[in-house]
Amino acid sequence: MIFDFILLQAENAAPEAGPNGGMMQMILIGGIIVVFYFFMIRPQQKRQKEEKKFRESLGKGDRVVTIGGIYGKIVSVDETTVMVEVDSKGTKLRMDKSAVKPAPDSGQNTSSDRNSKDKDQESESKD
C-alpha cells in the first residue's frame, strides 16, 4: 500500500521527458562508467602490474616485508618462492613471492637496480 503511494507520487512528480531525455540519461551513465574506470579500475591494474614487476625482479639481498609484517632479507630465490632471513641468528623462512613486498626503508632496490648502479659506478671510475 505504501509502496504504491510512493510510486504514484514519483510518477506525478516526474516532468515530461523531452525529445533528448533518453540521450541525456545515456550520457550520464556513460560518464559514470568513465569515472569508475579512471578512479577505480585503472589504478588497480597499474598497481597489479607494478607488483608483478617487483616479484619478477626479486633477487638475493633485497630487503622485504611479508604480509604478516615480518622484515627480512632474501637469501635465495626460486621460481615461485623466496627464502627470507629474518634475524641475525640465521632464521630462514620460505614463502611465496606474492607474500612479500619491498621494505619501506629499502626504496625498492632490487637486484637488477643494484646491478645497473654497480655498472654505472664502474664505468664512471674507469673514466
Protein backbone atom coordinates (compact mmCIF):
# COMPACT_ATOMS: atom_id res chain seq x y z
CA MET A 1 0.00 0.00 0.00
CA ILE A 2 2.69 2.48 0.99
CA PHE A 3 4.87 1.36 -1.92
CA ASP A 4 2.04 2.08 -4.38
CA PHE A 5 1.61 5.53 -2.88
CA ILE A 6 5.34 6.29 -3.32
CA LEU A 7 5.28 5.13 -6.93
CA LEU A 8 2.23 7.28 -7.69
CA GLN A 9 3.91 10.32 -6.14
CA ALA A 10 7.08 9.75 -8.17
CA GLU A 11 5.06 9.33 -11.36
CA ASN A 12 3.20 12.60 -10.76
CA ALA A 13 6.38 14.50 -9.85
CA ALA A 14 8.37 13.37 -12.91
CA PRO A 15 8.42 16.05 -15.62
CA GLU A 16 7.60 15.08 -19.15
CA ALA A 17 10.71 13.91 -20.94
CA GLY A 18 11.66 15.97 -23.93
CA PRO A 19 12.93 14.55 -27.21
CA ASN A 20 16.50 14.30 -25.81
CA GLY A 21 15.59 12.94 -22.34
CA GLY A 22 16.78 9.41 -23.10
CA MET A 23 20.01 10.66 -24.65
CA MET A 24 20.87 12.66 -21.53
CA GLN A 25 20.43 9.57 -19.37
CA MET A 26 22.77 7.59 -21.65
CA ILE A 27 25.39 10.35 -21.45
CA LEU A 28 25.09 10.41 -17.65
CA ILE A 29 25.52 6.63 -17.40
CA GLY A 30 28.48 6.77 -19.80
CA GLY A 31 30.08 9.49 -17.68
CA ILE A 32 29.69 7.41 -14.53
CA ILE A 33 31.34 4.44 -16.24
CA VAL A 34 34.28 6.61 -17.34
CA VAL A 35 34.73 7.97 -13.81
CA PHE A 36 34.68 4.45 -12.36
CA TYR A 37 37.29 3.34 -14.89
CA PHE A 38 39.75 6.17 -14.26
CA PHE A 39 39.35 6.31 -10.47
CA MET A 40 38.97 2.63 -9.59
CA ILE A 41 39.81 0.12 -12.31
CA ARG A 42 42.85 1.72 -13.95
CA PRO A 43 44.79 2.42 -10.70
CA GLN A 44 44.20 -1.17 -9.57
CA GLN A 45 45.54 -2.54 -12.87
CA LYS A 46 48.59 -0.28 -12.59
CA ARG A 47 49.24 -1.44 -9.02
CA GLN A 48 48.97 -5.10 -10.07
CA LYS A 49 51.43 -4.52 -12.90
CA GLU A 50 53.94 -2.90 -10.51
CA GLU A 51 53.60 -5.77 -8.02
CA LYS A 52 54.17 -8.34 -10.79
CA LYS A 53 57.26 -6.45 -11.95
CA PHE A 54 58.58 -6.39 -8.37
CA ARG A 55 58.02 -10.15 -7.92
CA GLU A 56 59.85 -10.88 -11.17
CA SER A 57 62.82 -8.71 -10.17
CA LEU A 58 63.33 -10.13 -6.67
CA GLY A 59 66.92 -11.08 -6.03
CA LYS A 60 69.33 -12.12 -3.36
CA GLY A 61 69.99 -9.36 -0.81
CA ASP A 62 66.69 -7.48 -1.34
CA ARG A 63 65.06 -6.23 1.85
CA VAL A 64 61.37 -7.15 2.05
CA VAL A 65 58.44 -7.22 4.44
CA THR A 66 55.98 -10.12 4.47
CA ILE A 67 52.20 -9.96 4.52
CA GLY A 68 52.38 -10.69 8.25
CA GLY A 69 54.73 -7.74 8.86
CA ILE A 70 57.99 -9.68 9.24
CA TYR A 71 61.02 -7.81 7.91
CA GLY A 72 63.87 -9.72 6.35
CA LYS A 73 66.45 -10.10 3.61
CA ILE A 74 66.15 -12.50 0.69
CA VAL A 75 68.86 -15.18 0.68
CA SER A 76 67.62 -17.30 -2.25
CA VAL A 77 65.00 -17.13 -4.99
CA ASP A 78 63.17 -19.98 -6.70
CA GLU A 79 60.59 -19.84 -9.46
CA THR A 80 57.62 -19.21 -7.15
CA THR A 81 59.15 -18.93 -3.66
CA VAL A 82 61.82 -16.97 -1.81
CA MET A 83 63.90 -17.81 1.26
CA VAL A 84 63.93 -14.87 3.68
CA GLU A 85 66.40 -14.48 6.55
CA VAL A 86 64.57 -12.74 9.38
CA ASP A 87 67.20 -12.27 12.09
CA SER A 88 70.93 -12.25 12.72
CA LYS A 89 70.81 -15.80 14.10
CA GLY A 90 70.13 -17.14 10.63
CA THR A 91 66.44 -17.98 10.95
CA LYS A 92 65.11 -18.51 7.43
CA LEU A 93 61.54 -18.71 6.19
CA ARG A 94 60.40 -19.98 2.79
CA MET A 95 57.39 -18.16 1.41
CA ASP A 96 55.57 -17.46 -1.81
CA LYS A 97 56.76 -14.48 -3.86
CA SER A 98 53.30 -12.93 -3.64
CA ALA A 99 53.63 -12.79 0.18
CA VAL A 100 56.44 -10.21 0.15
CA LYS A 101 56.60 -6.51 -0.62
CA PRO A 102 59.54 -4.12 -0.65
CA ALA A 103 60.52 -2.91 2.80
CA PRO A 104 59.62 0.76 3.34
CA ASP A 105 63.23 1.68 4.12
CA SER A 106 64.62 -0.14 1.08
CA GLY A 107 63.29 2.22 -1.58
CA GLN A 108 62.54 -0.82 -3.79
CA ASN A 109 66.20 -1.50 -4.53
CA THR A 110 66.00 -4.75 -6.41
CA SER A 111 68.98 -6.79 -7.53
CA SER A 112 68.57 -5.56 -11.12
CA ASP A 113 68.66 -1.95 -9.87
CA ARG A 114 71.82 -2.67 -7.87
CA ASN A 115 73.48 -4.36 -10.84
CA SER A 116 72.78 -1.39 -13.11
CA LYS A 117 74.06 1.03 -10.43
CA ASP A 118 77.22 -1.06 -9.97
CA LYS A 119 77.85 -0.99 -13.73
CA ASP A 120 77.32 2.79 -13.81
CA GLN A 121 79.78 3.27 -10.95
CA GLU A 122 82.35 1.02 -12.64
CA SER A 123 82.10 2.95 -15.91
CA GLU A 124 82.48 6.27 -14.04
CA SER A 125 85.54 5.02 -12.15
CA LYS A 126 87.18 3.90 -15.43
CA ASP A 127 86.78 7.40 -16.91
